[in-house]
Amino acid sequence: MELEQWQRDFDRRVEEGRCEIRERIERVEQRCKEAEEARRREWEELKGRVMTAQEKQEHRSDGFLRLLAAMTNEYIRIARSIGEDMKREFAESRAESRAQSEALMRMFDRLPPLEND
């Protein structure tokens, strides 16, 4: 029963983590898309004309590289936060295990000595 509850809690936490990661990635993609469109408008205003096909391709390539850099940075932040969460969970688990071991040892100290027949 306890194992099943643990598994349900674990599955729920994993799904919440997936949703959070998906939302973070979507926000990064949206920001990059908006920034790329703003850069295109600024360029056209500066040059006073619409981009040529080659300029559009260069702009798309530049936007793609910027997106890759932003996504890489976000994935690094996600991985670091997961690592920090895991370290914290392990520390809490160790502390709990240590407390349980100490309680068990105190219980053993209270038991009467074994009688040898």
Protein backbone atom coordinates (compact mmCIF):
# COMPACT_ATOMS: atom_id res chain seq x y z
CA MET A 1 0.00 0.00 0.00
CA GLU A 2 2.73 2.46 0.98
CA LEU A 3 4.74 1.55 -2.12
CA GLU A 4 1.71 2.19 -4.34
CA GLN A 5 1.19 5.60 -2.74
CA TRP A 6 4.87 6.40 -3.22
CA GLN A 7 4.61 5.39 -6.91
CA ARG A 8 1.51 7.56 -7.44
CA ASP A 9 3.24 10.52 -5.77
CA PHE A 10 6.35 9.96 -7.86
CA ASP A 11 4.33 9.75 -11.10
CA ARG A 12 2.46 12.92 -10.17
CA ARG A 13 5.70 14.79 -9.45
CA VAL A 14 7.22 13.59 -12.73
CA GLU A 15 4.19 14.78 -14.68
CA GLU A 16 4.23 18.15 -12.89
CA GLY A 17 7.92 18.45 -13.76
CA ARG A 18 7.24 17.65 -17.41
CA CYS A 19 4.52 20.29 -17.55
CA GLU A 20 6.79 22.88 -15.95
CA ILE A 21 9.62 22.09 -18.38
CA ARG A 22 7.24 22.22 -21.35
CA GLU A 23 5.92 25.62 -20.21
CA ARG A 24 9.43 27.00 -19.72
CA ILE A 25 10.50 25.85 -23.20
CA GLU A 26 7.36 27.31 -24.78
CA ARG A 27 8.02 30.66 -23.08
CA VAL A 28 11.59 30.69 -24.42
CA GLU A 29 10.38 29.86 -27.93
CA GLN A 30 7.75 32.61 -27.77
CA ARG A 31 10.24 35.20 -26.53
CA CYS A 32 12.68 34.27 -29.31
CA LYS A 33 9.94 34.47 -31.93
CA GLU A 34 8.85 37.90 -30.71
CA ALA A 35 12.45 39.12 -30.56
CA GLU A 36 13.12 37.86 -34.09
CA GLU A 37 10.07 39.67 -35.43
CA ALA A 38 11.12 42.86 -33.63
CA ARG A 39 14.63 42.61 -35.12
CA ARG A 40 13.15 42.15 -38.60
CA ARG A 41 10.94 45.24 -38.20
CA GLU A 42 13.87 47.29 -36.85
CA TRP A 43 16.02 46.21 -39.80
CA GLU A 44 13.35 47.12 -42.34
CA GLU A 45 12.79 50.51 -40.67
CA LEU A 46 16.53 51.17 -40.58
CA LYS A 47 17.07 50.19 -44.23
CA GLY A 48 13.78 51.71 -45.40
CA ARG A 49 12.89 48.69 -47.53
CA VAL A 50 11.67 45.11 -47.34
CA MET A 51 14.29 42.37 -47.02
CA THR A 52 15.50 40.51 -50.08
CA ALA A 53 15.24 36.71 -50.18
CA GLN A 54 18.90 36.35 -49.20
CA GLU A 55 18.53 38.81 -46.34
CA LYS A 56 15.43 36.95 -45.13
CA GLN A 57 17.37 33.68 -45.18
CA GLU A 58 20.26 35.24 -43.27
CA HIS A 59 17.77 36.65 -40.77
CA ARG A 60 16.09 33.23 -40.34
CA SER A 61 19.49 31.57 -39.86
CA ASP A 62 20.45 34.17 -37.29
CA GLY A 63 17.09 33.69 -35.55
CA PHE A 64 17.58 29.93 -35.52
CA LEU A 65 21.03 30.27 -33.94
CA ARG A 66 19.63 32.65 -31.33
CA LEU A 67 16.84 30.16 -30.59
CA LEU A 68 19.37 27.34 -30.20
CA ALA A 69 21.44 29.43 -27.81
CA ALA A 70 18.38 30.39 -25.75
CA MET A 71 17.11 26.80 -25.65
CA THR A 72 20.53 25.52 -24.63
CA ASN A 73 20.68 28.03 -21.80
CA GLU A 74 17.19 27.07 -20.63
CA TYR A 75 18.00 23.34 -20.75
CA ILE A 76 21.13 24.01 -18.68
CA ARG A 77 19.05 25.91 -16.11
CA ILE A 78 16.52 23.07 -16.04
CA ALA A 79 19.24 20.45 -15.57
CA ARG A 80 20.82 22.47 -12.76
CA SER A 81 17.50 22.91 -10.99
CA ILE A 82 16.80 19.18 -11.29
CA GLY A 83 20.25 18.45 -9.86
CA GLU A 84 19.65 20.83 -6.96
CA ASP A 85 16.25 19.25 -6.28
CA MET A 86 17.81 15.78 -6.29
CA LYS A 87 20.59 16.84 -3.91
CA ARG A 88 18.03 18.33 -1.55
CA GLU A 89 15.83 15.22 -1.69
CA PHE A 90 18.82 12.94 -1.04
CA ALA A 91 19.91 15.09 1.90
CA GLU A 92 16.41 14.99 3.36
CA SER A 93 16.23 11.23 2.81
CA ARG A 94 19.61 10.71 4.49
CA ALA A 95 18.56 12.84 7.45
CA GLU A 96 15.31 10.90 7.79
CA SER A 97 17.12 7.58 7.52
CA ARG A 98 19.67 8.68 10.12
CA ALA A 99 16.87 9.75 12.47
CA GLN A 100 15.13 6.40 12.02
CA SER A 101 18.38 4.52 12.66
CA GLU A 102 19.03 6.52 15.82
CA ALA A 103 15.48 5.86 17.05
CA LEU A 104 15.93 2.15 16.38
CA MET A 105 19.23 2.09 18.26
CA ARG A 106 17.61 3.84 21.23
CA MET A 107 14.86 1.19 21.19
CA PHE A 108 17.47 -1.59 21.19
CA ASP A 109 19.20 0.02 24.17
CA ARG A 110 15.95 -0.19 26.14
CA LEU A 111 15.40 -3.89 25.53
CA PRO A 112 16.29 -6.20 28.39
CA PRO A 113 19.42 -8.28 27.79
CA LEU A 114 18.98 -11.65 26.14
CA GLU A 115 19.03 -14.59 28.51
CA ASN A 116 21.33 -17.42 27.49
CA ASP A 117 20.04 -20.83 28.58
